[in-house]
Amino acid sequence: MTSRSRSPSVESNRELESLHQAKSHVSGRSSNPTPRNLAEDNGSEQGQIRFETLTFDTEVPTTTDLRTDTIKPPNLKHYGSPFKWSATRKNICLFLSCASTFIAAYSAGSYSIASAPLQAKFHVSNEAFQTGVTTWCVGFACSPMFLAPLSELNGRRPVFLFSGFMFFVALIGCAVANSFAGMLVARFFVGAGASTFATMVGGVISDVYHSEHRNTPMALYSASALAGTGFGPMLSGFVVPRTNWRWVFWHQVIALGTVMAGMVVLFKETRGSVLLSRKATKINKYLDAVQQQHQTTITTQDSNIAIPNRPIRYTVPADAAKKNIAHMIYLSLTTPFKLLFTEPVVFFFSLWAAFAWGVLYMTLNVLPLVFRTNHNFTTEQVGATFASLIVGVLLILAISIAQEKIAKRYHPKLLSAPEGRLYFACLEAALLPIGLFWFGWTSHSSIPWIVPCLGIGCAMMGIFSIYLAVFNYLADVYHRYASSALACQSFCRNMLAAVFPLFSEVMFRRLGFPGASSLLGGVAALLTIVPWVLVFKGEKIRSKSRIAREIMETHH
C-alpha cells in the first residue's frame, strides 16, 4: 500500500508515537545547536512562539528534555483526512446522507396527495392549498444561504443535527396544525430544515470522495432526492384513505427520528478544515502543557536544528474566517448572484436545472389532476402513479453508474475535461421533452393509464440527467467557487419549483392536457441546447471567464 493510501489511523498513530517518545525522553539534548544557529537567535526571539500551518500531511514535532510522564499525549486518531477513511466508514456516511436526502424530498411530495381532506379541513381552494408546496420550496431555497456558511466554519455534523431537529419539530407542527396559516408556517420550516439536511450532502460527498470517484456517490445522492419526491405521494396515497391526513406527517416524524438517531451515533465530521482546526487545538493544548512544565526544545522532522525556547504552535487558515462570520454570510448571500449574472455557464445551467425542477414539482399537482379527471382514479391509485417516477430514477441511476465505468475503461480521455461530464447528458437530457410530449398526448381516457405513466418515467430520467450533469460540471469548473455556483442553481431551482405549482392546474385546464404538456416540452427541448453548446464551445467560453480562467491557470 502506498503512502498515499494509508488510513488516517496509521498517520495518527505515528503522530502519537512521536509525541509519546518525546514525552518519555529523559536524556539531555541529543545534539547541541551549532554556534551559527545560536547566534541567529537574538534575545528578542527567546521564548517567542513559531506558528506553522497544519495540514493532514504535517509531521507533528517532537519534544525533548521532558523528565516526567504525567502529561498524556492527545488522541489524534479521529482527526485524519476523510479522503483516507475506510470504505466501510465512507459507505455509512453516504448511506446516512442519502437517507436524509430521501426523507427531505419525501416531505415535499407527501403533502399534495392529502389535498382532499386538507382542503375540506381548512376550507381552501386547490390553488390556495398548493401554497403549502410554495412555502416549503421558499424555505428550502433560502435556508442554505444562511446555514451553509456555518457548516464550513463549525462543521457539517452540528449543522446537520440542528437542521434535522428543526425539520423534526416542524413536521410535528404540520401533524398537529388546526389552521391553514399554521400549516403554511410549519411547511416553511419543514422546507428550511429539510433543505440543509439535504443540500449539504453534496458538500459531504466532496469532503469524502476525490473528483474521480465522485460520480457514483453523486448519482446515489441525486437518485435519493428524486426518488424521495416520488415515494412521498405514493406511500402517502395509501396512508390517507386508511387513517387520516395527520398520519401523512406522523409517519414522517417516525422515519426522520430513526434517521436522526443513526446520525447522532454514526455520522462523523467530514469537513477537512474543521477536523484540522480541532486537531491543531488538541496538539497546541498538549504543547502548552509541556511548555509550562519544562523548558523544551522543539524540532521538526524536516530540520534537526534546535531552536531553544521557541516552541511551535499550529494554525489552520480556515480559523481566520471564524472571526468575521457576518462577512462570510454576506459573501454566501451575494457571491452566488454575482456568479449568476456574470458567468454565462452558471446562468444557463441554473436556468436549465430550474426549469427541470419546476416540472418535477408540477407533477405533484398535475398527476392527480390528469388521472382523476381522465381515468377516475382514487387517492390510492393516484399515489400509485408516482411509482413511475421511482422506476425512471432507478433505471437512469443504473445507466449513469454503468456509463461512467465504461467511459473510464474504454475512453479515459473523455472525462479529462469538464465537458466530458456532458457527453451523456446531451443525449439523456432529451428524455425530458420526449417524456413531456409523450405524457401529454397519451393522457386521453381512451389510452391505457400505463402509457402516460411511462411518459412521466421517461421525463424523470431526463430530469435526473440534468440534475447530475449540473452538479458535476459546476463542481469541476468552479472548484473553490463551486459551493457558490451550486448554491445559485439550488436557489433558482427551488424558487421556480415554488412558482410552478401555483399556475399548473390553471394552465393544464385552459390549454388542455396535450397543449400544456407540449408547451413545457417545447421549452425543455430548447434548453437541451445548453449542454451541446458547452460540449463544442465550453473551453472557449471558460477561457473568457475571469474566474474560470484563473482556476484553470491554478490547476495546470
Protein backbone atom coordinates (compact mmCIF):
# COMPACT_ATOMS: atom_id res chain seq x y z
CA MET A 1 0.00 0.00 0.00
CA THR A 2 1.39 3.38 -0.96
CA SER A 3 1.82 6.21 1.47
CA ARG A 4 -0.99 8.00 -0.32
CA SER A 5 -3.50 5.33 0.64
CA ARG A 6 -2.61 4.91 4.29
CA SER A 7 -5.52 5.11 6.68
CA PRO A 8 -5.85 8.12 8.98
CA SER A 9 -5.39 5.90 11.99
CA VAL A 10 -1.92 4.93 10.77
CA GLU A 11 -0.93 8.58 10.42
CA SER A 12 -2.45 9.44 13.79
CA ASN A 13 -0.65 6.54 15.50
CA ARG A 14 2.65 7.72 14.05
CA GLU A 15 1.95 11.21 15.40
CA LEU A 16 1.07 9.82 18.82
CA GLU A 17 4.25 7.74 18.88
CA SER A 18 6.38 10.79 18.15
CA LEU A 19 4.66 12.76 20.90
CA HIS A 20 4.92 9.88 23.34
CA GLN A 21 8.59 9.32 22.54
CA ALA A 22 9.21 12.99 23.15
CA LYS A 23 7.36 12.93 26.45
CA SER A 24 9.17 9.86 27.72
CA HIS A 25 12.60 11.06 26.58
CA VAL A 26 14.66 11.61 29.73
CA SER A 27 18.10 12.23 28.35
CA GLY A 28 19.63 15.62 27.67
CA ARG A 29 19.66 17.32 24.33
CA SER A 30 20.61 14.84 21.63
CA SER A 31 22.81 17.38 19.91
CA ASN A 32 23.88 20.93 20.56
CA PRO A 33 22.81 23.57 18.11
CA THR A 34 25.59 24.98 16.00
CA PRO A 35 27.12 28.31 17.02
CA ARG A 36 25.70 29.82 13.80
CA ASN A 37 22.13 28.97 14.78
CA LEU A 38 22.61 30.18 18.32
CA ALA A 39 23.99 33.43 17.04
CA GLU A 40 20.97 33.92 14.82
CA ASP A 41 18.62 33.60 17.82
CA ASN A 42 18.96 37.02 19.43
CA GLY A 43 17.50 37.83 22.78
CA SER A 44 14.24 39.16 21.42
CA GLU A 45 13.49 35.80 19.81
CA GLN A 46 13.86 33.83 23.04
CA GLY A 47 10.51 32.42 24.11
CA GLN A 48 8.67 33.54 21.01
CA ILE A 49 6.15 31.08 19.54
CA ARG A 50 6.73 29.94 15.97
CA PHE A 51 3.48 29.35 14.06
CA GLU A 52 3.17 26.82 11.25
CA THR A 53 0.21 25.83 9.07
CA LEU A 54 -1.21 22.40 9.89
CA THR A 55 -2.24 20.02 7.12
CA PHE A 56 -3.18 16.34 7.14
CA ASP A 57 0.36 15.55 5.96
CA THR A 58 2.15 17.68 8.54
CA GLU A 59 4.53 15.72 10.77
CA VAL A 60 3.85 16.55 14.41
CA PRO A 61 7.04 17.92 16.09
CA THR A 62 8.93 16.03 18.79
CA THR A 63 9.88 17.42 22.20
CA THR A 64 12.99 16.66 24.22
CA ASP A 65 14.17 17.31 27.78
CA LEU A 66 10.91 16.07 29.29
CA ARG A 67 11.62 14.34 32.58
CA THR A 68 8.07 13.37 33.57
CA ASP A 69 5.41 11.03 32.31
CA THR A 70 2.46 12.89 33.78
CA ILE A 71 1.27 14.63 30.60
CA LYS A 72 -0.71 12.32 28.34
CA PRO A 73 -0.37 12.88 24.56
CA PRO A 74 -3.63 13.73 22.73
CA ASN A 75 -5.57 11.07 20.88
CA LEU A 76 -5.44 12.17 17.22
CA LYS A 77 -6.99 9.13 15.55
CA HIS A 78 -10.32 10.94 15.00
CA TYR A 79 -8.75 13.79 13.06
CA GLY A 80 -7.47 12.04 9.94
CA SER A 81 -8.35 13.09 6.39
CA PRO A 82 -11.86 11.94 5.35
CA PHE A 83 -10.42 11.12 1.92
CA LYS A 84 -8.49 8.32 3.63
CA TRP A 85 -11.39 6.83 5.56
CA SER A 86 -12.07 3.13 5.12
CA ALA A 87 -14.64 2.05 2.54
CA THR A 88 -17.00 0.96 5.35
CA ARG A 89 -16.87 4.32 7.08
CA LYS A 90 -17.44 6.16 3.79
CA ASN A 91 -20.39 3.91 2.97
CA ILE A 92 -22.02 4.57 6.35
CA CYS A 93 -21.59 8.29 5.83
CA LEU A 94 -23.03 8.06 2.31
CA PHE A 95 -25.98 5.92 3.42
CA LEU A 96 -26.97 8.33 6.21
CA SER A 97 -26.55 11.30 3.88
CA CYS A 98 -28.72 9.74 1.17
CA ALA A 99 -31.32 8.69 3.75
CA SER A 100 -31.57 12.28 4.98
CA THR A 101 -31.91 13.49 1.37
CA PHE A 102 -34.62 10.92 0.68
CA ILE A 103 -36.71 11.98 3.70
CA ALA A 104 -36.28 15.67 2.83
CA ALA A 105 -37.60 15.07 -0.70
CA TYR A 106 -40.30 12.77 0.68
CA SER A 107 -41.67 15.65 2.78
CA ALA A 108 -42.18 17.73 -0.36
CA GLY A 109 -44.21 15.15 -2.28
CA SER A 110 -46.32 13.71 0.51
CA TYR A 111 -48.22 16.96 1.17
CA SER A 112 -50.05 17.21 -2.18
CA ILE A 113 -51.64 13.76 -2.06
CA ALA A 114 -53.63 14.78 1.04
CA SER A 115 -55.26 17.67 -0.83
CA ALA A 116 -58.87 16.45 -0.49
CA PRO A 117 -59.03 16.06 3.32
CA LEU A 118 -56.86 19.13 3.94
CA GLN A 119 -58.94 21.35 1.65
CA ALA A 120 -62.06 20.15 3.42
CA LYS A 121 -60.49 20.70 6.83
CA PHE A 122 -59.26 24.25 6.14
CA HIS A 123 -61.94 25.27 3.60
CA VAL A 124 -59.47 26.44 0.94
CA SER A 125 -59.34 26.12 -2.85
CA ASN A 126 -56.83 23.91 -4.62
CA GLU A 127 -54.79 26.96 -5.71
CA ALA A 128 -54.59 28.16 -2.10
CA PHE A 129 -53.76 24.65 -0.92
CA GLN A 130 -50.78 24.48 -3.31
CA THR A 131 -49.16 27.40 -1.49
CA GLY A 132 -48.13 24.74 1.02
CA VAL A 133 -45.74 23.46 -1.65
CA THR A 134 -44.64 27.04 -2.37
CA THR A 135 -43.79 27.85 1.25
CA TRP A 136 -41.87 24.57 1.52
CA CYS A 137 -39.82 25.46 -1.58
CA VAL A 138 -39.14 29.02 -0.37
CA GLY A 139 -37.83 27.66 2.94
CA PHE A 140 -35.81 25.09 1.04
CA ALA A 141 -34.30 27.79 -1.21
CA CYS A 142 -33.40 30.33 1.48
CA SER A 143 -32.14 28.25 4.39
CA PRO A 144 -28.80 27.10 2.88
CA MET A 145 -27.80 30.68 2.14
CA PHE A 146 -27.51 31.23 5.91
CA LEU A 147 -26.72 27.76 7.25
CA ALA A 148 -24.23 26.58 4.61
CA PRO A 149 -21.51 29.03 5.78
CA LEU A 150 -21.90 27.71 9.32
CA SER A 151 -21.17 24.19 8.07
CA GLU A 152 -17.93 25.48 6.54
CA LEU A 153 -16.88 27.07 9.84
CA ASN A 154 -18.25 24.76 12.53
CA GLY A 155 -18.56 21.50 10.62
CA ARG A 156 -21.19 19.53 8.77
CA ARG A 157 -22.31 17.45 11.74
CA PRO A 158 -23.64 20.22 14.05
CA VAL A 159 -25.49 21.89 11.15
CA PHE A 160 -26.88 18.51 10.09
CA LEU A 161 -28.19 17.84 13.58
CA PHE A 162 -29.59 21.36 14.03
CA SER A 163 -31.34 21.24 10.64
CA GLY A 164 -32.67 17.76 11.37
CA PHE A 165 -34.06 18.91 14.70
CA MET A 166 -35.81 21.90 13.05
CA PHE A 167 -37.14 19.55 10.37
CA PHE A 168 -38.39 17.15 13.07
CA VAL A 169 -40.16 19.84 15.13
CA ALA A 170 -41.75 21.43 12.02
CA LEU A 171 -43.13 18.06 10.89
CA ILE A 172 -44.79 17.71 14.29
CA GLY A 173 -46.20 21.21 13.73
CA CYS A 174 -47.75 20.03 10.45
CA ALA A 175 -49.24 16.96 12.14
CA VAL A 176 -50.96 18.97 14.87
CA ALA A 177 -51.92 22.06 12.81
CA ASN A 178 -55.51 23.22 13.24
CA SER A 179 -55.41 26.21 10.88
CA PHE A 180 -54.18 26.69 7.35
CA ALA A 181 -51.97 29.59 8.42
CA GLY A 182 -50.32 27.32 10.98
CA MET A 183 -49.84 24.67 8.31
CA LEU A 184 -48.12 27.16 5.98
CA VAL A 185 -45.76 28.36 8.72
CA ALA A 186 -44.90 24.77 9.63
CA ARG A 187 -44.39 23.88 5.95
CA PHE A 188 -41.91 26.77 5.59
CA PHE A 189 -39.81 25.44 8.46
CA VAL A 190 -40.10 21.88 7.18
CA GLY A 191 -38.55 23.14 3.93
CA ALA A 192 -35.92 25.18 5.76
CA GLY A 193 -34.87 22.22 7.88
CA ALA A 194 -35.06 19.72 5.05
CA SER A 195 -33.01 21.99 2.79
CA THR A 196 -29.71 21.97 4.66
CA PHE A 197 -30.49 18.43 5.74
CA ALA A 198 -30.40 17.51 2.03
CA THR A 199 -28.37 20.04 0.04
CA MET A 200 -25.36 19.83 2.36
CA VAL A 201 -24.91 16.22 1.23
CA GLY A 202 -23.20 17.50 -1.93
CA GLY A 203 -20.57 19.10 0.32
CA VAL A 204 -20.23 15.93 2.38
CA ILE A 205 -19.57 13.89 -0.76
CA SER A 206 -16.93 16.42 -1.85
CA ASP A 207 -15.34 16.14 1.60
CA VAL A 208 -15.05 12.36 1.44
CA TYR A 209 -14.53 11.46 -2.24
CA HIS A 210 -11.98 12.75 -4.75
CA SER A 211 -13.46 14.02 -8.01
CA GLU A 212 -12.53 10.90 -9.98
CA HIS A 213 -14.54 8.74 -7.56
CA ARG A 214 -17.44 11.14 -7.06
CA ASN A 215 -19.83 10.19 -9.87
CA THR A 216 -21.38 7.12 -8.22
CA PRO A 217 -21.95 8.80 -4.81
CA MET A 218 -23.38 11.86 -6.58
CA ALA A 219 -25.64 9.62 -8.65
CA LEU A 220 -26.91 7.92 -5.49
CA TYR A 221 -27.48 11.32 -3.87
CA SER A 222 -29.38 12.58 -6.93
CA ALA A 223 -31.44 9.40 -7.04
CA SER A 224 -32.34 9.82 -3.35
CA ALA A 225 -33.56 13.37 -3.98
CA LEU A 226 -35.70 12.43 -6.97
CA ALA A 227 -36.94 9.05 -5.75
CA GLY A 228 -37.98 10.60 -2.44
CA THR A 229 -40.19 13.05 -4.34
CA GLY A 230 -41.98 10.08 -5.92
CA PHE A 231 -42.15 7.90 -2.82
CA GLY A 232 -43.80 10.71 -0.80
CA PRO A 233 -47.11 10.81 -2.66
CA MET A 234 -47.01 7.10 -3.49
CA LEU A 235 -46.84 5.85 0.11
CA SER A 236 -48.95 8.69 1.49
CA GLY A 237 -51.61 7.77 -1.06
CA PHE A 238 -52.09 4.54 0.89
CA VAL A 239 -51.99 6.30 4.27
CA VAL A 240 -54.74 8.90 3.63
CA PRO A 241 -57.69 6.53 2.93
CA ARG A 242 -56.80 4.17 5.78
CA THR A 243 -56.23 6.62 8.65
CA ASN A 244 -56.46 10.40 8.50
CA TRP A 245 -54.37 13.17 6.97
CA ARG A 246 -52.38 13.75 10.18
CA TRP A 247 -50.63 10.40 9.73
CA VAL A 248 -49.19 11.72 6.46
CA PHE A 249 -46.93 13.74 8.76
CA TRP A 250 -46.70 11.45 11.80
CA HIS A 251 -45.16 8.60 9.83
CA GLN A 252 -42.53 11.05 8.53
CA VAL A 253 -41.79 12.11 12.12
CA ILE A 254 -41.12 8.45 13.00
CA ALA A 255 -38.89 7.89 9.94
CA LEU A 256 -36.95 11.11 10.48
CA GLY A 257 -36.48 10.34 14.18
CA THR A 258 -34.95 6.98 13.24
CA VAL A 259 -32.52 8.57 10.77
CA MET A 260 -31.62 11.28 13.28
CA ALA A 261 -30.79 8.65 15.90
CA GLY A 262 -28.49 6.96 13.40
CA MET A 263 -26.81 10.28 12.63
CA VAL A 264 -26.19 11.10 16.27
CA VAL A 265 -24.45 7.76 16.76
CA LEU A 266 -22.76 7.06 13.43
CA PHE A 267 -22.30 10.26 11.43
CA LYS A 268 -18.83 11.74 11.91
CA GLU A 269 -17.49 15.13 10.93
CA THR A 270 -16.35 15.30 7.29
CA ARG A 271 -15.24 18.91 6.82
CA GLY A 272 -11.45 18.77 6.46
CA SER A 273 -10.70 22.30 7.69
CA VAL A 274 -12.81 21.74 10.81
CA LEU A 275 -11.03 18.48 11.60
CA LEU A 276 -7.66 20.21 11.16
CA SER A 277 -8.77 23.04 13.44
CA ARG A 278 -9.77 20.58 16.15
CA LYS A 279 -6.54 18.66 15.66
CA ALA A 280 -4.48 21.85 15.98
CA THR A 281 -6.33 22.75 19.18
CA LYS A 282 -5.53 19.32 20.68
CA ILE A 283 -1.84 19.48 19.74
CA ASN A 284 -1.41 23.10 20.86
CA LYS A 285 -3.06 22.39 24.20
CA TYR A 286 -0.65 19.49 24.73
CA LEU A 287 2.36 21.58 23.77
CA ASP A 288 1.20 24.38 26.08
CA ALA A 289 1.10 21.93 28.96
CA VAL A 290 4.54 20.63 28.07
CA GLN A 291 5.98 24.13 27.90
CA GLN A 292 4.51 25.07 31.25
CA GLN A 293 6.16 22.09 32.95
CA HIS A 294 9.55 22.22 31.32
CA GLN A 295 11.84 24.35 29.24
CA THR A 296 11.61 22.44 26.00
CA THR A 297 13.43 22.36 22.71
CA ILE A 298 11.10 21.66 19.79
CA THR A 299 12.31 20.43 16.45
CA THR A 300 10.56 19.48 13.25
CA GLN A 301 11.25 16.37 11.24
CA ASP A 302 12.41 18.35 8.22
CA SER A 303 15.04 20.17 10.31
CA ASN A 304 17.39 18.96 13.04
CA ILE A 305 18.22 22.50 14.10
CA ALA A 306 17.22 23.03 17.71
CA ILE A 307 15.73 26.43 18.49
CA PRO A 308 15.81 26.95 22.27
CA ASN A 309 12.68 28.33 23.88
CA ARG A 310 10.87 28.84 20.53
CA PRO A 311 8.02 26.33 20.71
CA ILE A 312 5.89 25.56 17.68
CA ARG A 313 2.17 26.10 17.58
CA TYR A 314 -0.11 25.17 14.71
CA THR A 315 -2.66 27.27 12.87
CA VAL A 316 -5.33 26.48 10.28
CA PRO A 317 -6.13 29.19 7.67
CA ALA A 318 -9.88 28.49 7.86
CA ASP A 319 -9.90 29.61 11.52
CA ALA A 320 -9.39 33.20 10.43
CA ALA A 321 -12.84 33.19 8.82
CA LYS A 322 -14.47 32.46 12.18
CA LYS A 323 -13.51 35.94 13.34
CA ASN A 324 -15.77 37.52 10.72
CA ILE A 325 -18.76 35.25 10.31
CA ALA A 326 -21.02 38.18 9.35
CA HIS A 327 -18.78 38.86 6.35
CA MET A 328 -18.83 35.19 5.41
CA ILE A 329 -22.63 35.12 5.48
CA TYR A 330 -22.61 38.29 3.37
CA LEU A 331 -20.40 36.56 0.80
CA SER A 332 -22.65 33.49 0.94
CA LEU A 333 -25.66 35.66 0.13
CA THR A 334 -24.05 37.77 -2.61
CA THR A 335 -21.44 35.61 -4.37
CA PRO A 336 -23.94 33.15 -5.88
CA PHE A 337 -25.86 36.02 -7.50
CA LYS A 338 -22.67 37.65 -8.75
CA LEU A 339 -21.84 34.37 -10.47
CA LEU A 340 -25.39 34.12 -11.80
CA PHE A 341 -25.21 37.49 -13.56
CA THR A 342 -21.54 37.47 -14.61
CA GLU A 343 -20.93 33.83 -15.57
CA PRO A 344 -22.88 32.62 -18.63
CA VAL A 345 -22.24 28.98 -17.68
CA VAL A 346 -23.80 29.45 -14.24
CA PHE A 347 -26.73 31.43 -15.66
CA PHE A 348 -27.75 28.94 -18.34
CA PHE A 349 -27.11 25.88 -16.18
CA SER A 350 -29.22 27.43 -13.41
CA LEU A 351 -31.99 28.16 -15.92
CA TRP A 352 -31.81 24.61 -17.30
CA ALA A 353 -31.87 22.97 -13.87
CA ALA A 354 -34.54 25.36 -12.54
CA PHE A 355 -36.94 24.55 -15.36
CA ALA A 356 -36.43 20.81 -14.88
CA TRP A 357 -37.04 21.18 -11.14
CA GLY A 358 -40.16 23.24 -11.77
CA VAL A 359 -41.52 20.44 -13.98
CA LEU A 360 -40.73 17.90 -11.25
CA TYR A 361 -42.74 19.80 -8.63
CA MET A 362 -45.50 20.48 -11.12
CA THR A 363 -46.10 16.72 -11.32
CA LEU A 364 -47.22 16.78 -7.67
CA ASN A 365 -50.30 18.71 -8.83
CA VAL A 366 -50.62 17.58 -12.44
CA LEU A 367 -50.64 13.79 -11.97
CA PRO A 368 -53.61 13.85 -9.55
CA LEU A 369 -55.42 16.28 -11.87
CA VAL A 370 -54.93 14.18 -15.03
CA PHE A 371 -55.64 10.75 -13.57
CA ARG A 372 -58.63 11.84 -11.51
CA THR A 373 -60.14 13.71 -14.46
CA ASN A 374 -59.49 11.28 -17.31
CA HIS A 375 -59.26 7.93 -15.50
CA ASN A 376 -61.41 8.45 -12.36
CA PHE A 377 -58.57 7.30 -10.10
CA THR A 378 -58.94 7.18 -6.32
CA THR A 379 -56.37 8.68 -3.97
CA GLU A 380 -54.59 5.31 -3.68
CA GLN A 381 -54.49 4.86 -7.43
CA VAL A 382 -53.20 8.40 -7.98
CA GLY A 383 -50.47 7.76 -5.42
CA ALA A 384 -49.52 4.57 -7.25
CA THR A 385 -48.90 6.51 -10.48
CA PHE A 386 -45.93 8.19 -8.77
CA ALA A 387 -44.20 4.81 -8.89
CA SER A 388 -43.38 5.75 -12.49
CA LEU A 389 -41.08 8.49 -11.15
CA ILE A 390 -39.29 5.96 -8.95
CA VAL A 391 -38.85 3.42 -11.73
CA GLY A 392 -37.47 6.12 -14.02
CA VAL A 393 -34.97 7.23 -11.38
CA LEU A 394 -33.77 3.67 -10.69
CA LEU A 395 -33.29 2.99 -14.39
CA ILE A 396 -31.27 6.14 -15.06
CA LEU A 397 -29.28 5.61 -11.86
CA ALA A 398 -28.12 2.19 -13.09
CA ILE A 399 -27.35 3.65 -16.52
CA SER A 400 -25.37 6.58 -15.05
CA ILE A 401 -23.19 4.35 -12.89
CA ALA A 402 -22.56 1.89 -15.74
CA GLN A 403 -21.76 4.53 -18.36
CA GLU A 404 -19.19 6.18 -16.09
CA LYS A 405 -17.36 2.89 -15.63
CA ILE A 406 -17.48 2.17 -19.36
CA ALA A 407 -16.15 5.64 -20.17
CA LYS A 408 -13.27 5.28 -17.70
CA ARG A 409 -12.35 1.87 -19.09
CA TYR A 410 -12.59 2.43 -22.83
CA HIS A 411 -12.39 6.20 -23.24
CA PRO A 412 -10.41 7.60 -20.28
CA LYS A 413 -9.63 10.85 -22.13
CA LEU A 414 -13.35 11.51 -22.43
CA LEU A 415 -13.51 12.63 -18.79
CA SER A 416 -10.22 14.56 -18.77
CA ALA A 417 -12.02 17.90 -19.35
CA PRO A 418 -15.11 19.20 -17.51
CA GLU A 419 -17.08 18.95 -20.76
CA GLY A 420 -16.62 15.19 -20.57
CA ARG A 421 -19.35 15.25 -17.93
CA LEU A 422 -21.81 16.48 -20.54
CA TYR A 423 -21.49 13.96 -23.38
CA PHE A 424 -24.02 11.57 -21.86
CA ALA A 425 -26.21 14.43 -20.62
CA CYS A 426 -26.55 15.79 -24.19
CA LEU A 427 -28.44 12.63 -25.14
CA GLU A 428 -30.16 11.75 -21.88
CA ALA A 429 -31.47 15.27 -21.19
CA ALA A 430 -33.58 14.93 -24.35
CA LEU A 431 -35.66 12.40 -22.42
CA LEU A 432 -37.32 15.31 -20.56
CA PRO A 433 -39.04 16.91 -23.59
CA ILE A 434 -39.71 13.47 -25.08
CA GLY A 435 -41.39 12.38 -21.85
CA LEU A 436 -43.47 15.57 -21.62
CA PHE A 437 -44.81 15.20 -25.18
CA TRP A 438 -45.40 11.50 -24.51
CA PHE A 439 -47.35 12.19 -21.30
CA GLY A 440 -49.48 14.99 -22.74
CA TRP A 441 -50.60 13.28 -25.93
CA THR A 442 -51.33 9.92 -24.28
CA SER A 443 -53.30 11.26 -21.31
CA HIS A 444 -56.67 10.71 -23.01
CA SER A 445 -59.11 8.43 -21.23
CA SER A 446 -59.19 6.13 -24.26
CA ILE A 447 -55.50 5.30 -23.81
CA PRO A 448 -54.44 2.90 -21.01
CA TRP A 449 -53.20 4.72 -17.92
CA ILE A 450 -49.84 2.95 -18.04
CA VAL A 451 -48.86 4.79 -21.24
CA PRO A 452 -48.78 8.35 -19.77
CA CYS A 453 -47.12 6.89 -16.66
CA LEU A 454 -44.31 5.61 -18.87
CA GLY A 455 -44.04 9.11 -20.34
CA ILE A 456 -43.60 10.63 -16.88
CA GLY A 457 -40.97 8.00 -16.08
CA CYS A 458 -39.13 8.99 -19.25
CA ALA A 459 -39.28 12.68 -18.28
CA MET A 460 -37.93 11.81 -14.82
CA MET A 461 -34.91 10.14 -16.41
CA GLY A 462 -34.21 13.39 -18.24
CA ILE A 463 -34.55 15.45 -15.03
CA PHE A 464 -32.11 13.14 -13.24
CA SER A 465 -29.56 13.52 -16.06
CA ILE A 466 -29.83 17.31 -15.94
CA TYR A 467 -29.51 17.39 -12.14
CA LEU A 468 -26.41 15.18 -12.13
CA ALA A 469 -24.74 16.98 -15.06
CA VAL A 470 -25.23 20.41 -13.47
CA PHE A 471 -23.78 19.31 -10.13
CA ASN A 472 -20.75 17.59 -11.64
CA TYR A 473 -19.95 20.23 -14.25
CA LEU A 474 -20.18 23.24 -11.94
CA ALA A 475 -18.08 21.46 -9.30
CA ASP A 476 -15.40 20.62 -11.89
CA VAL A 477 -15.27 24.07 -13.49
CA TYR A 478 -15.50 26.35 -10.46
CA HIS A 479 -13.57 24.37 -7.82
CA ARG A 480 -13.28 26.70 -4.80
CA TYR A 481 -16.25 28.72 -6.10
CA ALA A 482 -18.27 25.55 -6.62
CA SER A 483 -20.31 25.92 -3.44
CA SER A 484 -21.43 29.39 -4.56
CA ALA A 485 -22.21 28.19 -8.09
CA LEU A 486 -24.21 25.25 -6.72
CA ALA A 487 -25.97 27.45 -4.17
CA CYS A 488 -27.00 29.73 -7.02
CA GLN A 489 -28.56 26.97 -9.11
CA SER A 490 -30.15 25.46 -5.99
CA PHE A 491 -31.81 28.79 -5.16
CA CYS A 492 -33.06 29.18 -8.74
CA ARG A 493 -34.32 25.57 -8.84
CA ASN A 494 -36.34 25.82 -5.69
CA MET A 495 -37.76 29.28 -6.36
CA LEU A 496 -39.05 28.12 -9.73
CA ALA A 497 -40.36 24.95 -8.08
CA ALA A 498 -42.21 27.25 -5.67
CA VAL A 499 -43.91 29.08 -8.53
CA PHE A 500 -44.84 26.26 -10.93
CA PRO A 501 -47.48 24.54 -8.73
CA LEU A 502 -49.36 27.85 -8.38
CA PHE A 503 -50.35 28.02 -12.04
CA SER A 504 -50.02 24.39 -13.19
CA GLU A 505 -53.69 23.41 -12.73
CA VAL A 506 -54.98 26.57 -14.39
CA MET A 507 -52.58 26.12 -17.32
CA PHE A 508 -53.49 22.47 -17.86
CA ARG A 509 -57.24 23.17 -17.69
CA ARG A 510 -57.12 26.13 -20.08
CA LEU A 511 -54.63 24.78 -22.63
CA GLY A 512 -55.74 21.18 -22.28
CA PHE A 513 -53.52 18.36 -21.15
CA PRO A 514 -51.79 17.83 -24.54
CA GLY A 515 -51.35 21.59 -25.14
CA ALA A 516 -49.88 22.35 -21.72
CA SER A 517 -47.51 19.37 -21.88
CA SER A 518 -46.44 20.40 -25.39
CA LEU A 519 -45.65 23.92 -24.19
CA LEU A 520 -43.46 22.55 -21.43
CA GLY A 521 -41.89 20.04 -23.81
CA GLY A 522 -41.04 22.79 -26.29
CA VAL A 523 -39.26 24.87 -23.63
CA ALA A 524 -37.42 21.76 -22.39
CA ALA A 525 -36.32 20.95 -25.97
CA LEU A 526 -34.99 24.50 -26.39
CA LEU A 527 -32.98 24.29 -23.15
CA THR A 528 -31.50 20.96 -24.23
CA ILE A 529 -29.22 23.05 -26.46
CA VAL A 530 -27.29 24.20 -23.33
CA PRO A 531 -25.04 21.12 -22.88
CA TRP A 532 -24.41 20.87 -26.64
CA VAL A 533 -23.10 24.44 -26.74
CA LEU A 534 -20.76 23.71 -23.84
CA VAL A 535 -19.51 20.46 -25.36
CA PHE A 536 -18.39 22.28 -28.50
CA LYS A 537 -17.63 25.75 -27.12
CA GLY A 538 -17.12 25.12 -23.41
CA GLU A 539 -13.36 25.56 -23.35
CA LYS A 540 -13.61 28.83 -25.31
CA ILE A 541 -16.37 30.11 -23.02
CA ARG A 542 -14.35 29.22 -19.94
CA SER A 543 -11.28 30.99 -21.33
CA LYS A 544 -13.30 34.24 -21.46
CA SER A 545 -14.42 33.88 -17.85
CA ARG A 546 -12.09 35.59 -15.39
CA ILE A 547 -12.95 33.17 -12.59
CA ALA A 548 -12.82 30.00 -14.69
CA ARG A 549 -9.58 31.14 -16.37
CA GLU A 550 -7.98 31.86 -13.00
CA ILE A 551 -8.93 28.38 -11.77
CA MET A 552 -7.63 26.72 -14.95
CA GLU A 553 -4.27 28.50 -14.58
CA THR A 554 -4.05 27.41 -10.95
CA HIS A 555 -4.68 23.74 -11.75
CA HIS A 556 -2.36 23.46 -14.75
